[in-house]
PDB file of all heavy atoms in Angstrom:
ATOM      1  N   ASP A   1     165.008 110.815 129.503  1.00  0.00           N
ATOM      2  CA  ASP A   1     164.723 111.511 128.215  1.00  0.00           C
ATOM      3  C   ASP A   1     165.389 112.845 128.356  1.00  0.00           C
ATOM      4  O   ASP A   1     164.807 113.762 128.939  1.00  0.00           O
ATOM      5  CB  ASP A   1     163.234 111.560 127.948  1.00  0.00           C
ATOM      6  CG  ASP A   1     162.959 112.088 126.559  1.00  0.00           C
ATOM      7  OD1 ASP A   1     163.739 112.909 126.004  1.00  0.00           O
ATOM      8  OD2 ASP A   1     161.824 111.785 126.114  1.00  0.00           O
ATOM      9  N   ASN A   2     166.582 113.029 127.782  1.00  0.00           N
ATOM     10  CA  ASN A   2     167.222 114.263 127.880  1.00  0.00           C
ATOM     11  C   ASN A   2     166.557 115.425 127.119  1.00  0.00           C
ATOM     12  O   ASN A   2     166.595 116.579 127.517  1.00  0.00           O
ATOM     13  CB  ASN A   2     168.643 114.157 127.391  1.00  0.00           C
ATOM     14  CG  ASN A   2     169.507 113.389 128.330  1.00  0.00           C
ATOM     15  OD1 ASN A   2     169.248 113.158 129.468  1.00  0.00           O
ATOM     16  ND2 ASN A   2     170.644 112.849 127.791  1.00  0.00           N
ATOM     17  N   GLY A   3     165.774 115.081 126.144  1.00  0.00           N
ATOM     18  CA  GLY A   3     164.984 116.066 125.432  1.00  0.00           C
ATOM     19  C   GLY A   3     163.866 116.623 126.237  1.00  0.00           C
ATOM     20  O   GLY A   3     163.466 117.805 126.034  1.00  0.00           O
ATOM     21  N   LYS A   4     163.384 115.856 127.215  1.00  0.00           N
ATOM     22  CA  LYS A   4     162.249 116.230 128.094  1.00  0.00           C
ATOM     23  C   LYS A   4     162.776 116.594 129.458  1.00  0.00           C
ATOM     24  O   LYS A   4     161.972 116.922 130.320  1.00  0.00           O
ATOM     25  CB  LYS A   4     161.185 115.208 128.158  1.00  0.00           C
ATOM     26  CG  LYS A   4     160.443 114.966 126.877  1.00  0.00           C
ATOM     27  CD  LYS A   4     159.396 113.878 126.960  1.00  0.00           C
ATOM     28  CE  LYS A   4     158.686 113.655 125.587  1.00  0.00           C
ATOM     29  NZ  LYS A   4     157.637 112.660 125.689  1.00  0.00           N
ATOM     30  N   ASN A   5     164.101 116.471 129.720  1.00  0.00           N
ATOM     31  CA  ASN A   5     164.661 116.801 131.006  1.00  0.00           C
ATOM     32  C   ASN A   5     163.909 115.998 132.082  1.00  0.00           C
ATOM     33  O   ASN A   5     163.737 116.453 133.203  1.00  0.00           O
ATOM     34  CB  ASN A   5     164.530 118.296 131.282  1.00  0.00           C
ATOM     35  CG  ASN A   5     165.335 119.141 130.389  1.00  0.00           C
ATOM     36  OD1 ASN A   5     166.327 118.716 129.814  1.00  0.00           O
ATOM     37  ND2 ASN A   5     164.920 120.375 130.175  1.00  0.00           N
ATOM     38  N   THR A   6     163.693 114.766 131.773  1.00  0.00           N
ATOM     39  CA  THR A   6     162.891 113.934 132.726  1.00  0.00           C
ATOM     40  C   THR A   6     163.563 112.517 132.894  1.00  0.00           C
ATOM     41  O   THR A   6     164.067 112.005 131.941  1.00  0.00           O
ATOM     42  CB  THR A   6     161.409 113.777 132.200  1.00  0.00           C
ATOM     43  OG1 THR A   6     160.829 115.061 132.042  1.00  0.00           O
ATOM     44  CG2 THR A   6     160.606 112.991 133.096  1.00  0.00           C
ATOM     45  N   VAL A   7     163.467 112.033 134.081  1.00  0.00           N
ATOM     46  CA  VAL A   7     163.822 110.675 134.409  1.00  0.00           C
ATOM     47  C   VAL A   7     162.685 109.874 134.877  1.00  0.00           C
ATOM     48  O   VAL A   7     161.777 110.486 135.494  1.00  0.00           O
ATOM     49  CB  VAL A   7     165.003 110.677 135.510  1.00  0.00           C
ATOM     50  CG1 VAL A   7     164.524 111.251 136.792  1.00  0.00           C
ATOM     51  CG2 VAL A   7     165.579 109.247 135.663  1.00  0.00           C
ATOM     52  N   PHE A   8     162.614 108.617 134.486  1.00  0.00           N
ATOM     53  CA  PHE A   8     161.504 107.782 134.799  1.00  0.00           C
ATOM     54  C   PHE A   8     161.885 106.552 135.620  1.00  0.00           C
ATOM     55  O   PHE A   8     163.039 106.175 135.611  1.00  0.00           O
ATOM     56  CB  PHE A   8     160.891 107.297 133.519  1.00  0.00           C
ATOM     57  CG  PHE A   8     160.470 108.295 132.542  1.00  0.00           C
ATOM     58  CD1 PHE A   8     161.305 108.720 131.518  1.00  0.00           C
ATOM     59  CD2 PHE A   8     159.265 109.054 132.657  1.00  0.00           C
ATOM     60  CE1 PHE A   8     161.017 109.765 130.582  1.00  0.00           C
ATOM     61  CE2 PHE A   8     158.905 110.040 131.796  1.00  0.00           C
ATOM     62  CZ  PHE A   8     159.829 110.409 130.764  1.00  0.00           C
ATOM     63  N   LEU A   9     160.923 106.060 136.286  1.00  0.00           N
ATOM     64  CA  LEU A   9     161.098 104.732 137.009  1.00  0.00           C
ATOM     65  C   LEU A   9     159.883 103.926 136.740  1.00  0.00           C
ATOM     66  O   LEU A   9     158.748 104.189 137.226  1.00  0.00           O
ATOM     67  CB  LEU A   9     161.286 104.922 138.516  1.00  0.00           C
ATOM     68  CG  LEU A   9     161.690 103.629 139.256  1.00  0.00           C
ATOM     69  CD1 LEU A   9     163.042 103.165 138.893  1.00  0.00           C
ATOM     70  CD2 LEU A   9     161.620 103.923 140.776  1.00  0.00           C
ATOM     71  N   GLN A  10     160.067 102.915 135.849  1.00  0.00           N
ATOM     72  CA  GLN A  10     158.962 101.952 135.620  1.00  0.00           C
ATOM     73  C   GLN A  10     159.035 100.902 136.683  1.00  0.00           C
ATOM     74  O   GLN A  10     160.051 100.229 136.891  1.00  0.00           O
ATOM     75  CB  GLN A  10     159.071 101.361 134.223  1.00  0.00           C
ATOM     76  CG  GLN A  10     158.057 100.280 133.901  1.00  0.00           C
ATOM     77  CD  GLN A  10     156.639 100.843 133.838  1.00  0.00           C
ATOM     78  OE1 GLN A  10     156.404 101.926 133.227  1.00  0.00           O
ATOM     79  NE2 GLN A  10     155.709 100.154 134.416  1.00  0.00           N
ATOM     80  N   MET A  11     157.976 100.683 137.472  1.00  0.00           N
ATOM     81  CA  MET A  11     157.914  99.732 138.510  1.00  0.00           C
ATOM     82  C   MET A  11     156.878  98.734 138.230  1.00  0.00           C
ATOM     83  O   MET A  11     155.722  99.034 138.140  1.00  0.00           O
ATOM     84  CB  MET A  11     157.589 100.450 139.825  1.00  0.00           C
ATOM     85  CG  MET A  11     158.499 101.594 140.110  1.00  0.00           C
ATOM     86  SD  MET A  11     158.286 102.325 141.810  1.00  0.00           S
ATOM     87  CE  MET A  11     156.633 102.971 141.618  1.00  0.00           C
ATOM     88  N   ASN A  12     157.286  97.412 138.122  1.00  0.00           N
ATOM     89  CA  ASN A  12     156.394  96.314 137.893  1.00  0.00           C
ATOM     90  C   ASN A  12     156.534  95.368 139.099  1.00  0.00           C
ATOM     91  O   ASN A  12     157.360  95.403 139.930  1.00  0.00           O
ATOM     92  CB  ASN A  12     156.883  95.606 136.656  1.00  0.00           C
ATOM     93  CG  ASN A  12     156.775  96.521 135.364  1.00  0.00           C
ATOM     94  OD1 ASN A  12     155.869  97.366 135.268  1.00  0.00           O
ATOM     95  ND2 ASN A  12     157.611  96.297 134.446  1.00  0.00           N
ATOM     96  N   SER A  13     155.489  94.437 139.087  1.00  0.00           N
ATOM     97  CA  SER A  13     155.419  93.431 140.156  1.00  0.00           C
ATOM     98  C   SER A  13     155.652  94.082 141.505  1.00  0.00           C
ATOM     99  O   SER A  13     156.396  93.528 142.386  1.00  0.00           O
ATOM    100  CB  SER A  13     156.524  92.393 139.864  1.00  0.00           C
ATOM    101  OG  SER A  13     156.360  91.724 138.633  1.00  0.00           O
ATOM    102  N   LEU A  14     154.919  95.084 141.839  1.00  0.00           N
ATOM    103  CA  LEU A  14     155.014  95.774 143.083  1.00  0.00           C
ATOM    104  C   LEU A  14     154.528  94.891 144.197  1.00  0.00           C
ATOM    105  O   LEU A  14     153.542  94.154 144.057  1.00  0.00           O
ATOM    106  CB  LEU A  14     154.268  97.142 143.024  1.00  0.00           C
ATOM    107  CG  LEU A  14     154.937  98.222 142.198  1.00  0.00           C
ATOM    108  CD1 LEU A  14     153.978  99.302 141.826  1.00  0.00           C
ATOM    109  CD2 LEU A  14     156.142  98.825 143.012  1.00  0.00           C
ATOM    110  N   ASN A  15     155.125  95.065 145.308  1.00  0.00           N
ATOM    111  CA  ASN A  15     154.701  94.346 146.560  1.00  0.00           C
ATOM    112  C   ASN A  15     154.639  95.369 147.743  1.00  0.00           C
ATOM    113  O   ASN A  15     155.131  96.455 147.632  1.00  0.00           O
ATOM    114  CB  ASN A  15     155.606  93.179 146.862  1.00  0.00           C
ATOM    115  CG  ASN A  15     157.029  93.602 147.066  1.00  0.00           C
ATOM    116  OD1 ASN A  15     157.353  94.378 147.964  1.00  0.00           O
ATOM    117  ND2 ASN A  15     157.942  93.154 146.262  1.00  0.00           N
ATOM    118  N   PRO A  16     153.935  94.982 148.752  1.00  0.00           N
ATOM    119  CA  PRO A  16     153.752  95.888 149.904  1.00  0.00           C
ATOM    120  C   PRO A  16     155.081  96.478 150.462  1.00  0.00           C
ATOM    121  O   PRO A  16     155.033  97.664 150.978  1.00  0.00           O
ATOM    122  CB  PRO A  16     153.004  95.010 150.935  1.00  0.00           C
ATOM    123  CG  PRO A  16     152.253  94.069 150.173  1.00  0.00           C
ATOM    124  CD  PRO A  16     153.150  93.757 148.932  1.00  0.00           C
ATOM    125  N   GLU A  17     156.124  95.774 150.350  1.00  0.00           N
ATOM    126  CA  GLU A  17     157.472  96.226 150.851  1.00  0.00           C
ATOM    127  C   GLU A  17     157.933  97.413 150.013  1.00  0.00           C
ATOM    128  O   GLU A  17     158.895  98.082 150.338  1.00  0.00           O
ATOM    129  CB  GLU A  17     158.502  95.119 150.787  1.00  0.00           C
ATOM    130  CG  GLU A  17     158.256  94.062 151.889  1.00  0.00           C
ATOM    131  CD  GLU A  17     157.074  93.159 151.602  1.00  0.00           C
ATOM    132  OE1 GLU A  17     156.808  92.899 150.378  1.00  0.00           O
ATOM    133  OE2 GLU A  17     156.331  92.777 152.527  1.00  0.00           O
ATOM    134  N   ASP A  18     157.343  97.625 148.836  1.00  0.00           N
ATOM    135  CA  ASP A  18     157.768  98.799 147.981  1.00  0.00           C
ATOM    136  C   ASP A  18     157.024 100.118 148.436  1.00  0.00           C
ATOM    137  O   ASP A  18     157.278 101.172 147.868  1.00  0.00           O
ATOM    138  CB  ASP A  18     157.428  98.465 146.498  1.00  0.00           C
ATOM    139  CG  ASP A  18     158.236  97.344 145.926  1.00  0.00           C
ATOM    140  OD1 ASP A  18     159.461  97.299 146.227  1.00  0.00           O
ATOM    141  OD2 ASP A  18     157.689  96.514 145.244  1.00  0.00           O
ATOM    142  N   THR A  19     156.193  99.993 149.343  1.00  0.00           N
ATOM    143  CA  THR A  19     155.498 101.206 149.795  1.00  0.00           C
ATOM    144  C   THR A  19     156.480 102.166 150.526  1.00  0.00           C
ATOM    145  O   THR A  19     157.198 101.820 151.375  1.00  0.00           O
ATOM    146  CB  THR A  19     154.438 100.821 150.878  1.00  0.00           C
ATOM    147  OG1 THR A  19     153.374 100.061 150.254  1.00  0.00           O
ATOM    148  CG2 THR A  19     153.778 102.009 151.498  1.00  0.00           C
ATOM    149  N   ALA A  20     156.436 103.399 149.998  1.00  0.00           N
ATOM    150  CA  ALA A  20     157.408 104.423 150.441  1.00  0.00           C
ATOM    151  C   ALA A  20     157.118 105.697 149.697  1.00  0.00           C
ATOM    152  O   ALA A  20     156.308 105.739 148.762  1.00  0.00           O
ATOM    153  CB  ALA A  20     158.773 104.038 150.191  1.00  0.00           C
ATOM    154  N   VAL A  21     157.796 106.751 150.179  1.00  0.00           N
ATOM    155  CA  VAL A  21     157.880 107.865 149.351  1.00  0.00           C
ATOM    156  C   VAL A  21     159.119 107.862 148.508  1.00  0.00           C
ATOM    157  O   VAL A  21     160.192 107.566 148.965  1.00  0.00           O
ATOM    158  CB  VAL A  21     157.980 109.208 150.289  1.00  0.00           C
ATOM    159  CG1 VAL A  21     158.115 110.453 149.390  1.00  0.00           C
ATOM    160  CG2 VAL A  21     156.772 109.302 151.192  1.00  0.00           C
ATOM    161  N   TYR A  22     158.923 108.111 147.200  1.00  0.00           N
ATOM    162  CA  TYR A  22     159.935 108.066 146.229  1.00  0.00           C
ATOM    163  C   TYR A  22     160.445 109.378 145.827  1.00  0.00           C
ATOM    164  O   TYR A  22     159.574 110.258 145.465  1.00  0.00           O
ATOM    165  CB  TYR A  22     159.438 107.205 145.009  1.00  0.00           C
ATOM    166  CG  TYR A  22     159.348 105.685 145.224  1.00  0.00           C
ATOM    167  CD1 TYR A  22     158.360 105.227 146.044  1.00  0.00           C
ATOM    168  CD2 TYR A  22     160.245 104.857 144.683  1.00  0.00           C
ATOM    169  CE1 TYR A  22     158.309 103.857 146.335  1.00  0.00           C
ATOM    170  CE2 TYR A  22     160.206 103.476 144.901  1.00  0.00           C
ATOM    171  CZ  TYR A  22     159.233 102.953 145.750  1.00  0.00           C
ATOM    172  OH  TYR A  22     159.171 101.646 146.031  1.00  0.00           O
ATOM    173  N   TYR A  23     161.714 109.558 145.865  1.00  0.00           N
ATOM    174  CA  TYR A  23     162.481 110.822 145.549  1.00  0.00           C
ATOM    175  C   TYR A  23     163.328 110.667 144.355  1.00  0.00           C
ATOM    176  O   TYR A  23     163.933 109.619 144.201  1.00  0.00           O
ATOM    177  CB  TYR A  23     163.186 111.346 146.709  1.00  0.00           C
ATOM    178  CG  TYR A  23     162.419 111.518 148.029  1.00  0.00           C
ATOM    179  CD1 TYR A  23     162.254 110.431 148.880  1.00  0.00           C
ATOM    180  CD2 TYR A  23     161.865 112.838 148.352  1.00  0.00           C
ATOM    181  CE1 TYR A  23     161.577 110.690 150.113  1.00  0.00           C
ATOM    182  CE2 TYR A  23     161.257 112.985 149.492  1.00  0.00           C
ATOM    183  CZ  TYR A  23     161.037 111.965 150.397  1.00  0.00           C
ATOM    184  OH  TYR A  23     160.416 112.138 151.586  1.00  0.00           O
ATOM    185  N   CYS A  24     163.407 111.741 143.627  1.00  0.00           N
ATOM    186  CA  CYS A  24     164.521 111.742 142.577  1.00  0.00           C
ATOM    187  C   CYS A  24     165.583 112.694 142.969  1.00  0.00           C
ATOM    188  O   CYS A  24     165.396 113.620 143.715  1.00  0.00           O
ATOM    189  CB  CYS A  24     163.971 112.097 141.208  1.00  0.00           C
ATOM    190  SG  CYS A  24     163.413 113.719 140.945  1.00  0.00           S
ATOM    191  N   ARG A  25     166.773 112.445 142.527  1.00  0.00           N
ATOM    192  CA  ARG A  25     167.948 113.198 142.903  1.00  0.00           C
ATOM    193  C   ARG A  25     168.735 113.451 141.635  1.00  0.00           C
ATOM    194  O   ARG A  25     168.950 112.508 140.849  1.00  0.00           O
ATOM    195  CB  ARG A  25     168.854 112.559 143.939  1.00  0.00           C
ATOM    196  CG  ARG A  25     170.010 113.334 144.460  1.00  0.00           C
ATOM    197  CD  ARG A  25     171.000 112.643 145.319  1.00  0.00           C
ATOM    198  NE  ARG A  25     171.899 111.781 144.588  1.00  0.00           N
ATOM    199  CZ  ARG A  25     173.002 111.412 145.062  1.00  0.00           C
ATOM    200  NH1 ARG A  25     173.329 111.582 146.340  1.00  0.00           N
ATOM    201  NH2 ARG A  25     173.922 110.636 144.345  1.00  0.00           N
ATOM    202  N   ALA A  26     169.262 114.707 141.526  1.00  0.00           N
ATOM    203  CA  ALA A  26     170.139 115.023 140.477  1.00  0.00           C
ATOM    204  C   ALA A  26     171.436 115.358 141.102  1.00  0.00           C
ATOM    205  O   ALA A  26     171.558 116.136 142.009  1.00  0.00           O
ATOM    206  CB  ALA A  26     169.639 116.221 139.677  1.00  0.00           C
ATOM    207  N   ARG A  27     172.542 114.800 140.451  1.00  0.00           N
ATOM    208  CA  ARG A  27     173.835 114.951 141.078  1.00  0.00           C
ATOM    209  C   ARG A  27     174.920 115.268 140.016  1.00  0.00           C
ATOM    210  O   ARG A  27     174.991 114.527 139.027  1.00  0.00           O
ATOM    211  CB  ARG A  27     174.299 113.759 141.884  1.00  0.00           C
ATOM    212  CG  ARG A  27     175.663 113.934 142.562  1.00  0.00           C
ATOM    213  CD  ARG A  27     175.973 112.653 143.408  1.00  0.00           C
ATOM    214  NE  ARG A  27     176.166 111.539 142.521  1.00  0.00           N
ATOM    215  CZ  ARG A  27     177.324 111.211 141.960  1.00  0.00           C
ATOM    216  NH1 ARG A  27     178.432 112.002 142.109  1.00  0.00           N
ATOM    217  NH2 ARG A  27     177.422 110.136 141.206  1.00  0.00           N
TER     218      ARG A  27
END
């Protein structure tokens, strides 16, 4: 959402292998 200067990640059907620290990067 460029108006809110925000990026999102919708995560569904999560499983234990998705366990992690999640980081965002701007490039």
